[in-house]
Amino acid sequence: MEKNWVKIFTSTNFYQSEIVKQMLTGNHIDTVLLNKQDSSHRTFGEIEVYIHQEDFSKAIEIMILNQINI
């Protein structure tokens, strides 16, 4: 992954991570999901949401306004 990406959200639930990604993307923030879950046992590992460092403040504000638990 390129430099200047920061993790903004982590979950074991893929759908919850995808909702966060879509919410941020809808607000013009580039977003990447990194799936670290085990392929055969979905209960192990997490899905992480990354954004560019310069979008961090805006992303936090959007997540708070949409009541996403950080």
Protein backbone atom coordinates (compact mmCIF):
# COMPACT_ATOMS: atom_id res chain seq x y z
CA MET A 1 0.00 0.00 0.00
CA GLU A 2 1.19 3.52 -0.75
CA LYS A 3 2.43 5.85 1.97
CA ASN A 4 0.10 8.31 3.72
CA TRP A 5 -2.78 5.85 4.16
CA VAL A 6 -4.21 5.57 7.68
CA LYS A 7 -6.57 3.03 9.19
CA ILE A 8 -9.84 4.68 10.21
CA PHE A 9 -12.08 1.70 10.96
CA THR A 10 -11.76 -1.99 11.84
CA SER A 11 -14.44 -4.66 12.15
CA THR A 12 -14.88 -8.41 11.99
CA ASN A 13 -18.11 -7.79 10.06
CA PHE A 14 -17.48 -7.36 6.32
CA TYR A 15 -20.83 -5.66 5.72
CA GLN A 16 -20.20 -3.04 8.41
CA SER A 17 -16.80 -2.23 6.89
CA GLU A 18 -18.36 -2.00 3.43
CA ILE A 19 -21.01 0.43 4.72
CA VAL A 20 -18.27 2.67 6.15
CA LYS A 21 -16.36 2.48 2.87
CA GLN A 22 -19.42 3.40 0.81
CA MET A 23 -20.34 6.26 3.16
CA LEU A 24 -16.84 7.75 2.86
CA THR A 25 -16.64 7.16 -0.88
CA GLY A 26 -20.00 8.89 -1.26
CA ASN A 27 -18.41 11.93 0.39
CA HIS A 28 -15.51 11.97 -2.10
CA ILE A 29 -12.95 10.29 0.17
CA ASP A 30 -10.77 7.62 -1.44
CA THR A 31 -11.15 4.44 0.58
CA VAL A 32 -9.54 0.99 0.56
CA LEU A 33 -10.69 -2.18 2.35
CA LEU A 34 -8.00 -4.56 3.55
CA ASN A 35 -9.49 -7.96 4.35
CA LYS A 36 -7.33 -9.80 6.90
CA GLN A 37 -9.89 -12.49 7.67
CA ASP A 38 -8.96 -16.14 7.40
CA SER A 39 -10.43 -17.51 4.18
CA SER A 40 -11.77 -20.70 5.76
CA HIS A 41 -12.77 -19.38 9.21
CA ARG A 42 -14.44 -15.97 8.98
CA THR A 43 -14.32 -15.59 12.76
CA PHE A 44 -10.55 -14.97 12.70
CA GLY A 45 -9.18 -11.65 11.52
CA GLU A 46 -10.58 -8.25 10.68
CA ILE A 47 -11.47 -6.01 7.78
CA GLU A 48 -9.71 -2.65 7.92
CA VAL A 49 -10.78 0.59 6.20
CA TYR A 50 -7.98 2.92 5.08
CA ILE A 51 -8.10 6.52 3.83
CA HIS A 52 -5.53 9.12 2.82
CA GLN A 53 -4.04 10.93 5.79
CA GLU A 54 -5.18 14.37 4.56
CA ASP A 55 -8.84 13.20 4.61
CA PHE A 56 -8.69 12.01 8.23
CA SER A 57 -10.48 14.97 9.90
CA LYS A 58 -13.24 15.05 7.30
CA ALA A 59 -13.74 11.27 7.57
CA ILE A 60 -13.96 11.36 11.37
CA GLU A 61 -16.54 14.13 11.16
CA ILE A 62 -18.63 12.14 8.65
CA MET A 63 -18.45 9.01 10.80
CA ILE A 64 -19.49 10.91 13.94
CA LEU A 65 -22.40 12.59 12.15
CA ASN A 66 -23.54 9.15 10.91
CA GLN A 67 -23.09 7.58 14.37
CA ILE A 68 -20.45 5.06 13.31
CA ASN A 69 -18.57 3.70 16.34
CA ILE A 70 -14.92 4.56 15.95
